[in-house]
Amino acid sequence: MIFCKRRNCPAGQVTEFYMQISGLKWKVKNFTEGDIYVSLGAYDACDNLRIAPGACDVLIDRDPRTGTRRTSRKIQVYAVSEGEVEVVYV
């Protein structure tokens, strides 16, 4: 079974993807015309992953202090330009 959500993200706002299951790895695809900034859990403007337009990347949830694995079901995306973003459980 594939766990996937694709949603329109307004420009200049944080959009939350709340997934059905917790996961260690999430693949995020950017279909917007601008960069997106992605955080696992609560959005952090200082600690996030930038994904260029038309690109994708895999986020691995780890505790920044200890490096131990965690699992998240909440992914938050800040989009520079309006467009679609897809989050897939890997």
C-alpha atoms as a PDB file:
ATOM      1  CA  MET A   1       0.000   0.000   0.000  1.00  0.00           C
ATOM      2  CA  ILE A   2       1.307   3.459  -0.895  1.00  0.00           C
ATOM      3  CA  PHE A   3       0.843   6.296   1.562  1.00  0.00           C
ATOM      4  CA  CYS A   4       0.855   9.511  -0.437  1.00  0.00           C
ATOM      5  CA  LYS A   5      -0.681  12.973  -0.268  1.00  0.00           C
ATOM      6  CA  ARG A   6      -0.550  15.648  -2.946  1.00  0.00           C
ATOM      7  CA  ARG A   7      -1.894  19.080  -2.170  1.00  0.00           C
ATOM      8  CA  ASN A   8      -1.827  22.664  -3.373  1.00  0.00           C
ATOM      9  CA  CYS A   9       0.406  24.897  -1.220  1.00  0.00           C
ATOM     10  CA  PRO A  10      -0.283  28.648  -1.218  1.00  0.00           C
ATOM     11  CA  ALA A  11       2.692  30.998  -1.631  1.00  0.00           C
ATOM     12  CA  GLY A  12       4.180  32.390   1.566  1.00  0.00           C
ATOM     13  CA  GLN A  13       2.333  30.005   3.905  1.00  0.00           C
ATOM     14  CA  VAL A  14       3.126  26.809   5.772  1.00  0.00           C
ATOM     15  CA  THR A  15       1.018  23.825   4.700  1.00  0.00           C
ATOM     16  CA  GLU A  16       0.787  20.766   6.945  1.00  0.00           C
ATOM     17  CA  PHE A  17       0.693  17.205   5.613  1.00  0.00           C
ATOM     18  CA  TYR A  18      -0.622  14.920   8.358  1.00  0.00           C
ATOM     19  CA  MET A  19      -0.031  11.343   7.239  1.00  0.00           C
ATOM     20  CA  GLN A  20      -1.932   8.170   8.168  1.00  0.00           C
ATOM     21  CA  ILE A  21       1.177   6.428   9.513  1.00  0.00           C
ATOM     22  CA  SER A  22       4.416   7.442  11.210  1.00  0.00           C
ATOM     23  CA  GLY A  23       7.516   6.956   9.106  1.00  0.00           C
ATOM     24  CA  LEU A  24      11.283   7.342   9.248  1.00  0.00           C
ATOM     25  CA  LYS A  25      11.665   8.396   5.580  1.00  0.00           C
ATOM     26  CA  TRP A  26       9.474  10.687   3.480  1.00  0.00           C
ATOM     27  CA  LYS A  27      10.010  11.606  -0.178  1.00  0.00           C
ATOM     28  CA  VAL A  28       8.889  15.158  -0.980  1.00  0.00           C
ATOM     29  CA  LYS A  29       8.336  16.262  -4.597  1.00  0.00           C
ATOM     30  CA  ASN A  30       8.125  19.946  -5.554  1.00  0.00           C
ATOM     31  CA  PHE A  31       5.761  20.723  -8.444  1.00  0.00           C
ATOM     32  CA  THR A  32       5.739  24.481  -7.759  1.00  0.00           C
ATOM     33  CA  GLU A  33       7.647  27.099  -9.768  1.00  0.00           C
ATOM     34  CA  GLY A  34       9.694  28.187  -6.715  1.00  0.00           C
ATOM     35  CA  ASP A  35      11.656  26.636  -3.869  1.00  0.00           C
ATOM     36  CA  ILE A  36       9.949  24.858  -0.997  1.00  0.00           C
ATOM     37  CA  TYR A  37      11.269  24.467   2.547  1.00  0.00           C
ATOM     38  CA  VAL A  38      10.331  21.291   4.408  1.00  0.00           C
ATOM     39  CA  SER A  39      10.447  20.360   8.095  1.00  0.00           C
ATOM     40  CA  LEU A  40       9.436  17.176   9.865  1.00  0.00           C
ATOM     41  CA  GLY A  41       7.149  17.955  12.784  1.00  0.00           C
ATOM     42  CA  ALA A  42       6.674  21.659  13.500  1.00  0.00           C
ATOM     43  CA  TYR A  43       8.025  23.999  10.802  1.00  0.00           C
ATOM     44  CA  ASP A  44      11.396  25.503  11.726  1.00  0.00           C
ATOM     45  CA  ALA A  45      12.571  28.415   9.565  1.00  0.00           C
ATOM     46  CA  CYS A  46      16.196  27.793  10.642  1.00  0.00           C
ATOM     47  CA  ASP A  47      16.281  23.992  10.346  1.00  0.00           C
ATOM     48  CA  ASN A  48      14.643  22.775   7.146  1.00  0.00           C
ATOM     49  CA  LEU A  49      15.373  21.226   3.768  1.00  0.00           C
ATOM     50  CA  ARG A  50      15.190  23.345   0.604  1.00  0.00           C
ATOM     51  CA  ILE A  51      13.895  21.583  -2.492  1.00  0.00           C
ATOM     52  CA  ALA A  52      14.240  23.328  -5.874  1.00  0.00           C
ATOM     53  CA  PRO A  53      11.360  23.571  -8.386  1.00  0.00           C
ATOM     54  CA  GLY A  54      10.743  20.282 -10.187  1.00  0.00           C
ATOM     55  CA  ALA A  55      13.021  18.336  -7.818  1.00  0.00           C
ATOM     56  CA  CYS A  56      12.468  15.857  -5.017  1.00  0.00           C
ATOM     57  CA  ASP A  57      14.387  14.710  -1.951  1.00  0.00           C
ATOM     58  CA  VAL A  58      14.079  12.184   0.866  1.00  0.00           C
ATOM     59  CA  LEU A  59      13.844  13.378   4.459  1.00  0.00           C
ATOM     60  CA  ILE A  60      15.039  11.050   7.210  1.00  0.00           C
ATOM     61  CA  ASP A  61      13.737  11.801  10.684  1.00  0.00           C
ATOM     62  CA  ARG A  62      16.541  11.929  13.240  1.00  0.00           C
ATOM     63  CA  ASP A  63      16.948  13.714  16.559  1.00  0.00           C
ATOM     64  CA  PRO A  64      19.371  16.602  15.842  1.00  0.00           C
ATOM     65  CA  ARG A  65      21.028  16.310  19.258  1.00  0.00           C
ATOM     66  CA  THR A  66      21.621  12.562  19.405  1.00  0.00           C
ATOM     67  CA  GLY A  67      21.232  11.355  15.815  1.00  0.00           C
ATOM     68  CA  THR A  68      18.824   8.610  16.880  1.00  0.00           C
ATOM     69  CA  ARG A  69      15.977   7.657  14.591  1.00  0.00           C
ATOM     70  CA  ARG A  70      12.483   9.006  15.130  1.00  0.00           C
ATOM     71  CA  THR A  71       9.270   8.639  13.207  1.00  0.00           C
ATOM     72  CA  SER A  72       6.999  11.474  12.106  1.00  0.00           C
ATOM     73  CA  ARG A  73       3.577  11.693  10.622  1.00  0.00           C
ATOM     74  CA  LYS A  74       3.523  15.493  10.336  1.00  0.00           C
ATOM     75  CA  ILE A  75       5.441  17.175   7.487  1.00  0.00           C
ATOM     76  CA  GLN A  76       5.230  20.948   7.083  1.00  0.00           C
ATOM     77  CA  VAL A  77       6.030  22.750   3.826  1.00  0.00           C
ATOM     78  CA  TYR A  78       6.641  26.452   3.202  1.00  0.00           C
ATOM     79  CA  ALA A  79       6.214  27.292  -0.505  1.00  0.00           C
ATOM     80  CA  VAL A  80       7.737  30.380  -2.136  1.00  0.00           C
ATOM     81  CA  SER A  81       5.365  30.053  -5.130  1.00  0.00           C
ATOM     82  CA  GLU A  82       1.902  28.526  -5.186  1.00  0.00           C
ATOM     83  CA  GLY A  83       1.684  24.997  -6.557  1.00  0.00           C
ATOM     84  CA  GLU A  84       1.439  21.314  -5.748  1.00  0.00           C
ATOM     85  CA  VAL A  85       3.664  19.357  -3.398  1.00  0.00           C
ATOM     86  CA  GLU A  86       3.581  15.583  -2.942  1.00  0.00           C
ATOM     87  CA  VAL A  87       4.673  13.628   0.144  1.00  0.00           C
ATOM     88  CA  VAL A  88       5.196   9.855  -0.154  1.00  0.00           C
ATOM     89  CA  TYR A  89       6.135   7.272   2.497  1.00  0.00           C
ATOM     90  CA  VAL A  90       9.382   5.570   1.474  1.00  0.00           C
END
